[in-house]
Amino acid sequence: MDARLSKNCGIAAARRGQIIQRVLVDGWSTAQAAAAFGMQERRVARWVADYRRHGMASLRQDDSAERAYLRWLRRIYTAVARCIGGLRRGFGLVEPASCVVLRRTGDERGGGN
């Protein structure tokens, strides 16, 4: 099983599988399993219901949700960085880019020939 942490309260998929096994195979109630593992009964009941609906797939980490979270976090970070950059420019803390003046040589206005 996947040893990575899931979004479900920081419990690894293997640990959630063990809790679900106690309920479905060993005959524990959700209240007994929740008390034994120190978590809310409602959460254990939700995991058991998800396992009954989706099987082993319910134990895997929801990669799409993780990617969405990371995208959201990256957007927030980018927005804050842009805001800070704008503030720096507004207060004159960052020098503007230097301008380059290009001149033609050999033009009609008396350039070099």
Protein backbone atom coordinates (compact mmCIF):
# COMPACT_ATOMS: atom_id res chain seq x y z
CA MET A 1 0.00 0.00 0.00
CA ASP A 2 0.95 3.59 -0.45
CA ALA A 3 2.94 4.90 2.51
CA ARG A 4 2.45 8.54 1.56
CA LEU A 5 0.30 10.63 3.83
CA SER A 6 -3.20 11.26 2.63
CA LYS A 7 -5.37 14.30 2.95
CA ASN A 8 -7.41 12.41 5.53
CA CYS A 9 -6.15 13.82 8.81
CA GLY A 10 -2.52 12.90 8.13
CA ILE A 11 -3.21 9.16 8.34
CA ALA A 12 -1.26 7.02 5.87
CA ALA A 13 -3.26 4.85 3.49
CA ALA A 14 -1.94 1.68 5.14
CA ARG A 15 -3.17 2.88 8.53
CA ARG A 16 -6.61 3.74 7.14
CA GLY A 17 -6.72 0.28 5.56
CA GLN A 18 -5.95 -1.27 8.93
CA ILE A 19 -8.76 0.71 10.60
CA ILE A 20 -11.22 -0.28 7.86
CA GLN A 21 -10.13 -3.92 8.20
CA ARG A 22 -10.91 -3.84 11.92
CA VAL A 23 -14.46 -2.74 11.13
CA LEU A 24 -15.24 -4.88 8.09
CA VAL A 25 -13.24 -8.05 8.74
CA ASP A 26 -12.75 -8.21 12.50
CA GLY A 27 -16.28 -7.03 13.29
CA TRP A 28 -15.42 -3.96 15.34
CA SER A 29 -17.95 -1.16 15.45
CA THR A 30 -16.93 2.21 14.08
CA ALA A 31 -17.05 3.55 17.64
CA GLN A 32 -14.65 0.85 18.89
CA ALA A 33 -12.23 1.44 16.00
CA ALA A 34 -12.37 5.20 16.49
CA ALA A 35 -11.67 4.88 20.20
CA ALA A 36 -8.84 2.38 19.65
CA PHE A 37 -7.11 4.60 17.08
CA GLY A 38 -7.94 7.91 18.76
CA MET A 39 -10.07 9.58 16.13
CA GLN A 40 -13.64 10.62 15.47
CA GLU A 41 -16.23 7.93 14.85
CA ARG A 42 -17.70 9.94 12.00
CA ARG A 43 -14.38 9.92 10.14
CA VAL A 44 -14.01 6.14 10.53
CA ALA A 45 -17.59 5.63 9.32
CA ARG A 46 -16.86 7.80 6.27
CA TRP A 47 -13.74 5.77 5.44
CA VAL A 48 -15.67 2.51 5.75
CA ALA A 49 -18.46 3.85 3.51
CA ASP A 50 -15.92 5.05 0.92
CA TYR A 51 -14.22 1.65 0.99
CA ARG A 52 -17.53 -0.12 0.44
CA ARG A 53 -18.27 2.12 -2.55
CA HIS A 54 -14.84 2.36 -4.19
CA GLY A 55 -12.76 -0.49 -2.75
CA MET A 56 -8.98 -0.15 -2.63
CA ALA A 57 -9.13 3.02 -4.73
CA SER A 58 -10.53 4.83 -1.70
CA LEU A 59 -7.28 4.18 0.17
CA ARG A 60 -5.10 5.89 -2.41
CA GLN A 61 -4.22 9.49 -1.98
CA ASP A 62 -6.43 11.80 -3.99
CA ASP A 63 -3.73 13.08 -6.34
CA SER A 64 -6.07 15.40 -8.21
CA ALA A 65 -7.07 17.13 -4.98
CA GLU A 66 -3.41 17.38 -3.99
CA ARG A 67 -2.51 18.89 -7.35
CA ALA A 68 -5.38 21.37 -7.08
CA TYR A 69 -4.18 22.36 -3.62
CA LEU A 70 -0.61 22.83 -4.84
CA ARG A 71 -1.84 24.88 -7.82
CA TRP A 72 -3.84 27.07 -5.47
CA LEU A 73 -0.84 27.47 -3.17
CA ARG A 74 1.42 28.36 -6.13
CA ARG A 75 -1.07 30.98 -7.35
CA ILE A 76 -1.25 32.56 -3.92
CA TYR A 77 2.55 32.61 -3.68
CA THR A 78 2.84 34.20 -7.14
CA ALA A 79 0.22 36.82 -6.33
CA VAL A 80 1.97 37.76 -3.10
CA ALA A 81 5.34 37.93 -4.86
CA ARG A 82 3.89 40.21 -7.55
CA CYS A 83 2.29 42.40 -4.93
CA ILE A 84 5.55 42.73 -3.02
CA GLY A 85 7.40 43.46 -6.25
CA GLY A 86 4.86 46.15 -7.12
CA LEU A 87 5.25 47.71 -3.71
CA ARG A 88 9.02 47.77 -4.08
CA ARG A 89 8.75 49.56 -7.42
CA GLY A 90 6.20 51.96 -5.97
CA PHE A 91 8.52 52.94 -3.12
CA GLY A 92 11.55 53.23 -5.36
CA LEU A 93 13.32 50.27 -3.78
CA VAL A 94 13.93 48.60 -7.12
CA GLU A 95 15.65 50.52 -9.87
CA PRO A 96 13.78 50.58 -13.15
CA ALA A 97 15.38 48.81 -16.08
CA SER A 98 17.88 50.96 -17.90
CA CYS A 99 16.95 52.24 -21.35
CA VAL A 100 19.22 51.74 -24.30
CA VAL A 101 19.34 54.40 -27.00
CA LEU A 102 20.18 53.05 -30.42
CA ARG A 103 21.73 55.32 -33.05
CA ARG A 104 22.25 54.64 -36.66
CA THR A 105 25.58 55.15 -38.23
CA GLY A 106 25.82 56.61 -41.69
CA ASP A 107 22.42 58.29 -41.78
CA GLU A 108 21.64 61.61 -43.56
CA ARG A 109 21.83 63.71 -40.42
CA GLY A 110 25.54 63.81 -40.36
CA GLY A 111 26.28 60.39 -38.98
CA GLY A 112 29.66 58.83 -39.56
CA ASN A 113 30.72 57.97 -43.07
